[in-house]
Protein backbone atom coordinates (compact mmCIF):
# COMPACT_ATOMS: atom_id res chain seq x y z
CA UNK A 1 0.00 0.00 0.00
CA UNK A 2 1.54 3.29 -1.12
CA UNK A 3 1.55 6.50 0.87
CA UNK A 4 -1.18 8.10 -1.28
CA UNK A 5 -3.60 5.18 -0.87
CA UNK A 6 -3.48 5.27 2.91
CA UNK A 7 -6.16 6.91 5.04
CA UNK A 8 -5.79 10.58 5.86
CA UNK A 9 -4.57 10.05 9.41
CA UNK A 10 -1.92 7.57 8.44
CA UNK A 11 -0.65 9.87 5.68
CA UNK A 12 -0.15 12.70 8.11
CA UNK A 13 1.70 10.47 10.59
CA UNK A 14 3.98 9.17 7.86
CA UNK A 15 4.68 12.70 6.58
CA UNK A 16 5.61 13.76 10.10
CA UNK A 17 8.09 10.84 10.37
CA UNK A 18 9.70 11.81 7.11
CA UNK A 19 10.06 15.42 8.18
CA UNK A 20 11.64 14.34 11.48
CA UNK A 21 14.11 11.93 9.81
CA UNK A 22 15.18 14.63 7.33
CA UNK A 23 15.62 17.32 9.94
CA UNK A 24 19.42 17.22 9.69
CA UNK A 25 19.53 17.30 5.92
CA UNK A 26 19.36 20.09 3.42
CA UNK A 27 16.36 20.73 1.30
CA UNK A 28 17.68 19.04 -1.79
CA UNK A 29 18.34 15.75 0.05
CA UNK A 30 14.95 15.77 1.73
CA UNK A 31 13.22 16.44 -1.54
CA UNK A 32 14.61 13.53 -3.54
CA UNK A 33 11.49 11.38 -3.51
CA UNK A 34 11.23 11.95 0.25
CA UNK A 35 14.06 9.36 0.81
CA UNK A 36 16.12 9.44 3.98
CA UNK A 37 19.88 9.34 4.02
CA UNK A 38 19.84 5.96 5.74
CA UNK A 39 17.71 4.40 3.02
CA UNK A 40 19.82 6.03 0.35
CA UNK A 41 23.06 4.60 1.77
CA UNK A 42 21.44 1.19 2.01
CA UNK A 43 20.53 1.26 -1.64
CA UNK A 44 23.97 2.52 -2.69
CA UNK A 45 25.68 -0.19 -0.62
CA UNK A 46 23.61 -3.00 -2.08
CA UNK A 47 23.99 -1.85 -5.67
CA UNK A 48 27.75 -1.25 -5.22
CA UNK A 49 28.27 -4.76 -3.86
CA UNK A 50 26.29 -6.19 -6.75
CA UNK A 51 28.35 -4.23 -9.26
CA UNK A 52 31.57 -5.45 -7.63
CA UNK A 53 30.44 -9.04 -7.91
CA UNK A 54 29.30 -8.63 -11.50
CA UNK A 55 32.47 -6.78 -12.56
CA UNK A 56 34.98 -8.78 -10.52
CA UNK A 57 38.26 -10.25 -11.81
CA UNK A 58 38.11 -13.05 -14.39
CA UNK A 59 38.17 -16.68 -13.38
CA UNK A 60 41.76 -17.85 -13.10
CA UNK A 61 40.85 -21.39 -12.10
CA UNK A 62 42.47 -22.79 -15.23
CA UNK A 63 45.78 -21.06 -14.58
CA UNK A 64 48.65 -22.99 -12.98
CA UNK A 65 49.96 -21.27 -9.85
CA UNK A 66 53.06 -23.16 -8.62
CA UNK A 67 53.12 -24.27 -5.03
CA UNK A 68 49.82 -22.71 -4.04
CA UNK A 69 49.51 -25.52 -1.52
CA UNK A 70 53.03 -26.46 -0.47
CA UNK A 71 54.09 -29.86 0.76
CA UNK A 72 54.65 -30.32 4.47
CA UNK A 73 58.38 -30.97 4.19
CA UNK A 74 59.00 -27.75 2.24
CA UNK A 75 59.99 -24.58 4.03
CA UNK A 76 59.67 -21.25 2.17
CA UNK A 77 63.10 -19.78 1.53
CA UNK A 78 64.93 -23.07 2.15
CA UNK A 79 66.24 -24.95 -0.89
CA UNK A 80 65.43 -28.58 -1.62
CA UNK A 81 68.28 -30.64 -3.06
CA UNK A 82 67.77 -33.38 -5.64
CA UNK A 83 70.42 -35.69 -7.11
CA UNK A 84 70.28 -35.82 -10.91
CA UNK A 85 72.50 -35.71 -13.98
CA UNK A 86 73.00 -33.34 -16.87
CA UNK A 87 74.65 -33.88 -20.24
CA UNK A 88 76.34 -30.72 -21.48
CA UNK A 89 79.38 -30.78 -23.66
CA UNK A 90 81.18 -34.10 -24.10
CA UNK A 91 80.31 -35.83 -20.83
CA UNK A 92 77.46 -36.57 -18.40
CA UNK A 93 77.85 -35.00 -14.99
CA UNK A 94 76.24 -36.01 -11.72
CA UNK A 95 75.00 -33.03 -9.77
CA UNK A 96 72.81 -31.74 -6.97
CA UNK A 97 70.06 -29.38 -8.11
CA UNK A 98 68.92 -26.80 -5.57
CA UNK A 99 65.22 -25.95 -5.89
CA UNK A 100 63.43 -23.09 -4.18
CA UNK A 101 59.67 -22.72 -4.50
CA UNK A 102 59.72 -25.30 -7.29
CA UNK A 103 62.39 -23.61 -9.43
CA UNK A 104 66.00 -24.66 -9.95
CA UNK A 105 68.28 -21.87 -8.76
CA UNK A 106 71.73 -23.51 -8.39
CA UNK A 107 73.66 -26.55 -9.57
CA UNK A 108 76.45 -28.19 -7.62
CA UNK A 109 78.52 -31.29 -8.37
CA UNK A 110 77.61 -34.59 -6.76
CA UNK A 111 80.62 -35.86 -4.78
CA UNK A 112 79.39 -39.46 -5.16
CA UNK A 113 79.32 -39.24 -8.99
CA UNK A 114 82.30 -40.02 -11.25
CA UNK A 115 82.95 -36.28 -11.64
CA UNK A 116 83.56 -36.19 -7.87
CA UNK A 117 81.63 -33.05 -7.10
CA UNK A 118 83.10 -30.96 -9.87
CA UNK A 119 81.22 -29.19 -12.66
CA UNK A 120 82.33 -27.49 -15.81
CA UNK A 121 81.46 -23.94 -16.82
CA UNK A 122 79.01 -25.37 -19.38
CA UNK A 123 77.19 -27.29 -16.66
CA UNK A 124 77.00 -24.25 -14.41
CA UNK A 125 75.53 -22.20 -17.24
CA UNK A 126 72.95 -24.85 -18.21
CA UNK A 127 70.40 -22.97 -16.09
CA UNK A 128 70.45 -20.33 -18.82
CA UNK A 129 69.12 -22.97 -21.22
CA UNK A 130 66.42 -23.98 -18.76
CA UNK A 131 65.04 -20.45 -18.45
CA UNK A 132 65.92 -19.24 -21.94
CA UNK A 133 63.01 -17.10 -23.19
CA UNK A 134 63.69 -18.33 -26.74
CA UNK A 135 62.95 -21.95 -25.88
CA UNK A 136 60.16 -23.58 -27.88
CA UNK A 137 57.08 -23.22 -25.61
CA UNK A 138 55.07 -26.01 -27.25
CA UNK A 139 54.38 -27.96 -30.41
CA UNK A 140 54.93 -26.30 -33.77
CA UNK A 141 53.71 -27.29 -37.19
CA UNK A 142 54.76 -26.60 -40.74
CA UNK A 143 52.99 -23.56 -42.10
CA UNK A 144 50.74 -24.30 -45.06
CA UNK A 145 52.40 -23.25 -48.28
CA UNK A 146 55.79 -22.91 -46.61
CA UNK A 147 58.94 -24.98 -46.87
CA UNK A 148 61.92 -25.70 -44.68
CA UNK A 149 63.85 -22.87 -46.30
CA UNK A 150 61.26 -20.29 -45.31
CA UNK A 151 60.99 -18.64 -48.73
CA UNK A 152 57.20 -18.93 -48.92
CA UNK A 153 56.77 -18.43 -45.20
CA UNK A 154 58.25 -14.95 -45.26
CA UNK A 155 61.39 -15.98 -43.43
CA UNK A 156 63.39 -13.10 -44.85
CA UNK A 157 61.18 -10.49 -43.21
CA UNK A 158 62.75 -8.65 -40.32
CA UNK A 159 61.42 -9.35 -36.87
CA UNK A 160 60.40 -12.99 -37.36
CA UNK A 161 61.93 -15.64 -35.13
CA UNK A 162 63.87 -18.67 -36.29
CA UNK A 163 60.85 -20.97 -36.22
CA UNK A 164 58.81 -18.64 -38.41
CA UNK A 165 61.77 -18.23 -40.72
CA UNK A 166 61.89 -22.02 -41.09
CA UNK A 167 58.20 -22.13 -42.03
CA UNK A 168 56.79 -23.26 -38.66
CA UNK A 169 54.01 -21.77 -36.56
CA UNK A 170 52.88 -22.53 -33.03
CA UNK A 171 50.25 -25.22 -32.45
CA UNK A 172 48.30 -26.13 -29.34
CA UNK A 173 49.12 -29.20 -27.28
CA UNK A 174 45.79 -30.83 -28.12
CA UNK A 175 46.40 -30.33 -31.82
CA UNK A 176 49.94 -31.59 -31.54
CA UNK A 177 48.92 -34.73 -29.66
CA UNK A 178 46.16 -35.42 -32.16
CA UNK A 179 48.52 -35.05 -35.12
CA UNK A 180 51.13 -37.26 -33.46
CA UNK A 181 48.55 -39.93 -32.68
CA UNK A 182 47.34 -39.97 -36.26
CA UNK A 183 50.90 -40.22 -37.57
CA UNK A 184 51.66 -43.15 -35.27
CA UNK A 185 48.64 -45.03 -36.50
CA UNK A 186 49.85 -44.58 -40.06
CA UNK A 187 53.43 -45.60 -39.21
CA UNK A 188 56.69 -44.02 -40.27
CA UNK A 189 57.25 -41.94 -37.11
CA UNK A 190 60.84 -41.13 -36.11
CA UNK A 191 61.79 -40.07 -32.58
CA UNK A 192 64.93 -37.92 -32.87
CA UNK A 193 66.80 -37.28 -29.61
CA UNK A 194 70.30 -36.60 -28.47
CA UNK A 195 72.54 -39.35 -27.17
CA UNK A 196 72.45 -39.59 -23.40
CA UNK A 197 73.89 -42.17 -20.97
CA UNK A 198 71.24 -41.30 -18.38
CA UNK A 199 67.87 -42.97 -17.76
CA UNK A 200 66.28 -40.53 -20.20
CA UNK A 201 67.72 -42.46 -23.14
CA UNK A 202 66.22 -45.71 -21.86
CA UNK A 203 62.85 -43.99 -21.44
CA UNK A 204 62.96 -42.78 -25.05
CA UNK A 205 63.93 -46.26 -26.23
CA UNK A 206 61.07 -47.93 -24.38
CA UNK A 207 58.59 -45.28 -25.51
CA UNK A 208 59.60 -45.70 -29.13
CA UNK A 209 59.31 -49.48 -28.87
CA UNK A 210 55.84 -49.23 -27.30
CA UNK A 211 54.53 -46.80 -29.93
CA UNK A 212 56.18 -48.39 -32.95
CA UNK A 213 58.39 -45.37 -33.65
CA UNK A 214 62.00 -45.52 -34.78
CA UNK A 215 64.42 -44.03 -32.26
CA UNK A 216 67.35 -42.13 -33.79
CA UNK A 217 70.08 -40.53 -31.69
CA UNK A 218 71.97 -37.48 -32.91
CA UNK A 219 75.43 -37.06 -31.47
CA UNK A 220 77.68 -34.35 -32.99
CA UNK A 221 80.77 -35.50 -31.04
CA UNK A 222 80.85 -39.28 -31.19
CA UNK A 223 83.69 -41.56 -30.10
CA UNK A 224 83.32 -44.47 -32.51
CA UNK A 225 87.09 -44.70 -32.95
CA UNK A 226 87.55 -45.12 -29.19
CA UNK A 227 84.81 -47.77 -29.11
CA UNK A 228 86.38 -49.66 -31.99
CA UNK A 229 89.85 -49.54 -30.41
CA UNK A 230 88.48 -50.70 -27.07
CA UNK A 231 86.73 -53.60 -28.82
CA UNK A 232 89.97 -54.66 -30.52
CA UNK A 233 92.00 -54.43 -27.31
CA UNK A 234 89.52 -55.67 -24.72
CA UNK A 235 86.58 -57.18 -26.61
CA UNK A 236 84.07 -54.58 -25.42
CA UNK A 237 82.69 -51.90 -27.74
CA UNK A 238 82.50 -49.17 -25.12
CA UNK A 239 84.11 -45.84 -24.38
CA UNK A 240 86.80 -46.59 -21.79
CA UNK A 241 87.30 -44.81 -18.50
CA UNK A 242 90.90 -43.92 -17.75
CA UNK A 243 92.15 -44.20 -14.17
CA UNK A 244 95.02 -41.81 -14.62
CA UNK A 245 95.14 -41.13 -10.89
CA UNK A 246 96.94 -44.49 -10.57
CA UNK A 247 99.52 -43.71 -13.25
CA UNK A 248 103.14 -42.69 -12.70
CA UNK A 249 103.49 -41.35 -16.26
CA UNK A 250 100.91 -40.26 -18.83
CA UNK A 251 101.60 -39.97 -22.57
CA UNK A 252 98.85 -38.10 -24.41
CA UNK A 253 98.69 -38.06 -28.21
CA UNK A 254 96.52 -35.19 -29.41
CA UNK A 255 93.73 -35.77 -26.87
CA UNK A 256 93.04 -32.58 -24.91
CA UNK A 257 91.61 -34.45 -21.92
CA UNK A 258 91.90 -31.40 -19.67
CA UNK A 259 90.03 -29.22 -22.15
CA UNK A 260 87.41 -30.80 -24.38
CA UNK A 261 88.17 -34.50 -24.98
CA UNK A 262 85.98 -37.28 -23.62
CA UNK A 263 85.36 -36.40 -19.93
CA UNK A 264 87.43 -33.33 -19.07
CA UNK A 265 85.84 -32.70 -15.67
CA UNK A 266 86.30 -36.28 -14.51
CA UNK A 267 89.77 -36.65 -16.00
CA UNK A 268 90.91 -33.32 -14.55
CA UNK A 269 89.93 -34.48 -11.08
CA UNK A 270 91.81 -37.74 -11.56
CA UNK A 271 94.83 -35.93 -12.96
CA UNK A 272 94.88 -33.67 -9.90
CA UNK A 273 95.11 -36.76 -7.71
CA UNK A 274 97.95 -38.14 -9.82
CA UNK A 275 99.90 -34.90 -9.22
CA UNK A 276 99.17 -34.48 -5.52
CA UNK A 277 102.57 -33.24 -4.38
CA UNK A 278 101.40 -32.99 -0.78
CA UNK A 279 101.26 -36.79 -0.72
CA UNK A 280 104.46 -37.27 -2.70
CA UNK A 281 102.84 -37.96 -6.07
CA UNK A 282 103.76 -36.28 -9.34
CA UNK A 283 102.81 -38.23 -12.45
CA UNK A 284 104.83 -37.08 -15.44
CA UNK A 285 102.70 -35.87 -18.37
CA UNK A 286 103.97 -35.78 -21.96
CA UNK A 287 101.74 -34.23 -24.59
CA UNK A 288 102.17 -34.87 -28.31
CA UNK A 289 100.18 -32.57 -30.55
CA UNK A 290 100.28 -29.78 -33.14
CA UNK A 291 99.25 -26.98 -30.78
CA UNK A 292 99.70 -26.06 -27.15
CA UNK A 293 96.24 -26.90 -25.81
CA UNK A 294 95.09 -26.83 -22.17
CA UNK A 295 96.57 -30.28 -21.65
CA UNK A 296 99.78 -29.21 -23.37
CA UNK A 297 100.11 -26.24 -21.04
CA UNK A 298 99.87 -28.55 -18.02
CA UNK A 299 102.31 -31.08 -19.46
CA UNK A 300 105.90 -31.52 -18.31
CA UNK A 301 107.00 -32.08 -21.92
CA UNK A 302 105.34 -30.96 -25.14
CA UNK A 303 106.36 -32.76 -28.33
CA UNK A 304 105.24 -30.67 -31.30
CA UNK A 305 104.20 -32.54 -34.43
CA UNK A 306 102.13 -31.89 -37.53
CA UNK A 307 98.37 -32.16 -37.46
CA UNK A 308 97.33 -35.79 -37.94
CA UNK A 309 100.78 -37.19 -37.19
CA UNK A 310 99.97 -38.14 -33.60
CA UNK A 311 99.09 -41.72 -34.58
CA UNK A 312 102.41 -42.33 -36.32
CA UNK A 313 104.32 -40.94 -33.33
CA UNK A 314 102.32 -43.19 -30.99
CA UNK A 315 103.19 -46.28 -33.05
CA UNK A 316 106.85 -45.29 -33.06
CA UNK A 317 106.80 -44.92 -29.28
CA UNK A 318 105.11 -48.32 -29.02
CA UNK A 319 107.90 -49.79 -31.16
CA UNK A 320 110.48 -48.43 -28.71
CA UNK A 321 108.56 -49.87 -25.76
CA UNK A 322 108.31 -53.25 -27.50
CA UNK A 323 112.04 -53.15 -28.21
CA UNK A 324 112.80 -52.67 -24.51
CA UNK A 325 110.38 -55.41 -23.54
CA UNK A 326 111.99 -57.77 -25.98
CA UNK A 327 108.81 -58.72 -27.86
CA UNK A 328 105.96 -56.99 -29.66
CA UNK A 329 103.70 -60.03 -29.76
CA UNK A 330 100.97 -59.85 -32.36
CA UNK A 331 101.92 -56.25 -33.23
CA UNK A 332 105.45 -57.10 -34.35
CA UNK A 333 104.63 -56.85 -38.05
CA UNK A 334 102.85 -53.51 -37.63
CA UNK A 335 105.44 -51.87 -35.39
CA UNK A 336 108.30 -52.92 -37.62
CA UNK A 337 107.17 -50.32 -40.15
CA UNK A 338 107.20 -47.49 -37.57
CA UNK A 339 110.74 -47.16 -36.36
CA UNK A 340 111.64 -43.83 -34.71
CA UNK A 341 113.92 -42.90 -37.61
CA UNK A 342 111.27 -43.64 -40.24
CA UNK A 343 108.57 -41.67 -38.45
CA UNK A 344 110.92 -38.78 -37.67
CA UNK A 345 111.68 -38.32 -41.34
CA UNK A 346 107.96 -38.15 -42.20
CA UNK A 347 106.41 -36.07 -39.40
CA UNK A 348 109.25 -33.76 -38.40
CA UNK A 349 109.72 -35.06 -34.85
CA UNK A 350 113.25 -35.99 -33.87
CA UNK A 351 114.01 -39.67 -33.36
CA UNK A 352 115.67 -38.84 -30.03
CA UNK A 353 112.44 -37.32 -28.71
CA UNK A 354 110.53 -40.46 -29.72
CA UNK A 355 113.08 -42.77 -28.08
CA UNK A 356 113.15 -40.64 -24.93
CA UNK A 357 109.37 -40.85 -24.65
CA UNK A 358 109.44 -44.61 -25.20
CA UNK A 359 112.17 -45.20 -22.63
CA UNK A 360 110.43 -43.02 -20.04
CA UNK A 361 107.29 -45.15 -20.21
CA UNK A 362 106.92 -47.39 -17.15
CA UNK A 363 108.10 -50.90 -17.86
CA UNK A 364 106.27 -53.90 -16.40
CA UNK A 365 108.39 -56.32 -14.39
CA UNK A 366 109.97 -59.06 -16.49
CA UNK A 367 108.75 -62.59 -15.77
């Protein structure tokens, strides 16, 4: 029932209440539909709350917020340490990864791994690869009408990234998985990965076998020659591990094992043990090579030879060692063609230097 439809007496009483409630207001406020300040603030409060709800922030329920609910054993600001391995450069390295709030912040060598707690500069900088903003964020597909050279994809235009220049565009994960599933059903899928001695390689191998894909490993720095030599000498086609910490003398022919060859971090640690002067050990190192590499700088003697002549010098040294032992065994026919004088005339290394290196090699006790 509105105010105008009420009886005369009730209308007068209601008008008196309105006048009393608006006694502290100015005329303009009291005249706005005869509404009190209290009622006006109530209406403004309700409508403001409704507007806030209707115009609130978008729903971020589908966004991943790391560590919103942390595990009980994690303490904010305290790093968690995990033992893992990383393959950077020519060797795998065991390490301890320090994580804080779910992100890797520091890498340290694992003292129980073959690298004995040491890491190379490449391994220390591998975090830059992990957080590189230019990493591929997800699947990419060949752009329609484009080719690998990027001519039709506009690859020569300034400002495009490498993927666009190669004729690729980003694709969603659902699309990528669907395309991969269809390709696997049709056959002819190749899984291309890098070579890794860690458990990751076994995972890729088992995944390829389960899906019917062909697993191909790409290794830019392979050691097939070392595998073949190890198979000839010991019957095992594997890359050997050299315990140079137990050696009294080391002769190195072109292999920069303290710089880039095979396992420089591991071999450097072992070489440091072999030259521990505090414990009376100083293994003599002779380096044969065309340039003064990192290993050559650390060597006691550097024998300079032409590039590619290291093998001939090694055979000549072996001939000298066999001569002192009194027998070359099955290698007698081969070593007879590599006398120090013959090799010296071909590679430019003096015969005296070759004989000195052969005589300085440790001799096994005669039986």
